[in-house]
C-alpha atoms as a PDB file:
ATOM      1  CA  MET A   1     -21.262  -6.896  21.263  1.00  0.00           C
ATOM      2  CA  THR A   2     -18.380  -4.448  21.378  1.00  0.00           C
ATOM      3  CA  ALA A   3     -17.810  -2.066  18.545  1.00  0.00           C
ATOM      4  CA  LEU A   4     -14.457  -2.138  16.929  1.00  0.00           C
ATOM      5  CA  LYS A   5     -12.091   0.382  17.549  1.00  0.00           C
ATOM      6  CA  PRO A   6     -11.298   2.864  14.521  1.00  0.00           C
ATOM      7  CA  TYR A   7      -8.437   1.625  12.442  1.00  0.00           C
ATOM      8  CA  THR A   8      -6.244   4.105  10.337  1.00  0.00           C
ATOM      9  CA  ALA A   9      -4.958   2.435   7.233  1.00  0.00           C
ATOM     10  CA  SER A  10      -1.538   2.940   6.075  1.00  0.00           C
ATOM     11  CA  PRO A  11      -1.398   5.676   3.350  1.00  0.00           C
ATOM     12  CA  CYS A  12       1.510   3.862   1.534  1.00  0.00           C
ATOM     13  CA  ILE A  13       0.906   3.767  -2.346  1.00  0.00           C
ATOM     14  CA  ARG A  14       3.606   1.361  -2.990  1.00  0.00           C
ATOM     15  CA  ILE A  15       5.779   3.850  -4.730  1.00  0.00           C
ATOM     16  CA  CYS A  16       8.395   4.281  -2.101  1.00  0.00           C
ATOM     17  CA  CYS A  17      11.394   6.399  -2.950  1.00  0.00           C
ATOM     18  CA  LEU A  18      13.269   8.345  -0.384  1.00  0.00           C
ATOM     19  CA  ASP A  19      14.615  11.773  -0.617  1.00  0.00           C
ATOM     20  CA  ASP A  20      18.028  12.973   0.917  1.00  0.00           C
ATOM     21  CA  LYS A  21      16.340  13.364   4.368  1.00  0.00           C
ATOM     22  CA  ASP A  22      14.510   9.931   4.527  1.00  0.00           C
ATOM     23  CA  ILE A  23      11.199  10.830   3.549  1.00  0.00           C
ATOM     24  CA  CYS A  24       9.261   8.721   1.079  1.00  0.00           C
ATOM     25  CA  LEU A  25       8.168  10.655  -1.840  1.00  0.00           C
ATOM     26  CA  GLY A  26       5.132   8.485  -2.511  1.00  0.00           C
ATOM     27  CA  CYS A  27       3.336   8.751   1.029  1.00  0.00           C
ATOM     28  CA  PHE A  28       5.603  11.626   2.654  1.00  0.00           C
ATOM     29  CA  ARG A  29       6.200   9.697   5.666  1.00  0.00           C
ATOM     30  CA  SER A  30       9.751   9.593   7.324  1.00  0.00           C
ATOM     31  CA  LEU A  31      11.685   6.207   7.088  1.00  0.00           C
ATOM     32  CA  THR A  32      11.249   6.205  10.952  1.00  0.00           C
ATOM     33  CA  GLU A  33       7.494   6.613  11.045  1.00  0.00           C
ATOM     34  CA  ILE A  34       7.171   3.872   8.034  1.00  0.00           C
ATOM     35  CA  THR A  35       8.748   1.538  10.095  1.00  0.00           C
ATOM     36  CA  GLN A  36       6.931   2.254  13.507  1.00  0.00           C
ATOM     37  CA  TRP A  37       3.559   2.255  11.620  1.00  0.00           C
ATOM     38  CA  ALA A  38       2.583  -1.239  12.624  1.00  0.00           C
ATOM     39  CA  LEU A  39       3.711  -0.836  16.255  1.00  0.00           C
ATOM     40  CA  VAL A  40       1.881   2.429  17.081  1.00  0.00           C
ATOM     41  CA  ASP A  41      -1.586   3.006  18.267  1.00  0.00           C
ATOM     42  CA  ASP A  42      -4.324   4.944  16.168  1.00  0.00           C
ATOM     43  CA  HIS A  43      -3.546   8.561  17.864  1.00  0.00           C
ATOM     44  CA  THR A  44      -0.017   8.141  16.915  1.00  0.00           C
ATOM     45  CA  ARG A  45      -1.015   7.168  13.327  1.00  0.00           C
ATOM     46  CA  GLN A  46      -3.125  10.155  13.075  1.00  0.00           C
ATOM     47  CA  HIS A  47      -0.226  12.147  14.156  1.00  0.00           C
ATOM     48  CA  ILE A  48       2.066  10.640  11.444  1.00  0.00           C
ATOM     49  CA  LEU A  49      -0.793  11.332   8.734  1.00  0.00           C
ATOM     50  CA  HIS A  50      -0.856  15.228  10.123  1.00  0.00           C
ATOM     51  CA  ASN A  51       2.995  15.338   9.669  1.00  0.00           C
ATOM     52  CA  ALA A  52       2.934  13.606   6.342  1.00  0.00           C
ATOM     53  CA  SER A  53       0.468  16.127   4.955  1.00  0.00           C
ATOM     54  CA  HIS A  54       2.278  18.934   6.185  1.00  0.00           C
ATOM     55  CA  ARG A  55       5.531  17.697   4.265  1.00  0.00           C
ATOM     56  CA  GLN A  56       3.449  17.066   0.974  1.00  0.00           C
ATOM     57  CA  ARG A  57       2.358  20.725   1.075  1.00  0.00           C
ATOM     58  CA  ALA A  58       5.732  21.949   1.852  1.00  0.00           C
ATOM     59  CA  TYR A  59       6.730  20.324  -1.498  1.00  0.00           C
ATOM     60  CA  GLY A  60       4.011  22.280  -3.208  1.00  0.00           C
ATOM     61  CA  PRO A  61       1.348  21.518  -6.110  1.00  0.00           C
ATOM     62  CA  HIS A  62       4.235  20.522  -8.538  1.00  0.00           C
ATOM     63  CA  GLY A  63       6.468  18.636  -5.878  1.00  0.00           C
ATOM     64  CA  PRO A  64       7.832  15.264  -6.545  1.00  0.00           C
ATOM     65  CA  ARG A  65       4.887  13.283  -5.896  1.00  0.00           C
ATOM     66  CA  LEU A  66       5.699  10.071  -7.665  1.00  0.00           C
ATOM     67  CA  ASP A  67       1.916   8.877  -8.289  1.00  0.00           C
ATOM     68  CA  ASN A  68       1.339  11.901 -10.390  1.00  0.00           C
ATOM     69  CA  PRO A  69       4.036  12.436 -13.207  1.00  0.00           C
ATOM     70  CA  GLN A  70       4.346  15.819 -14.494  1.00  0.00           C
END
């Protein structure tokens, strides 16, 4: 039996709101990254998650994260 390849799940939290740079304030992916997610391989998905993590940190602890109201 062949082992299944690891699969990176979407970080989408179903709170989609784009800022003026087309970055989702729910998952911090760019609009391009969101639309490409289903088409790219797992390595590219890991790269997208890395970029999103950097964007989220750039907003800081009191940033616009929509699933954690202030």
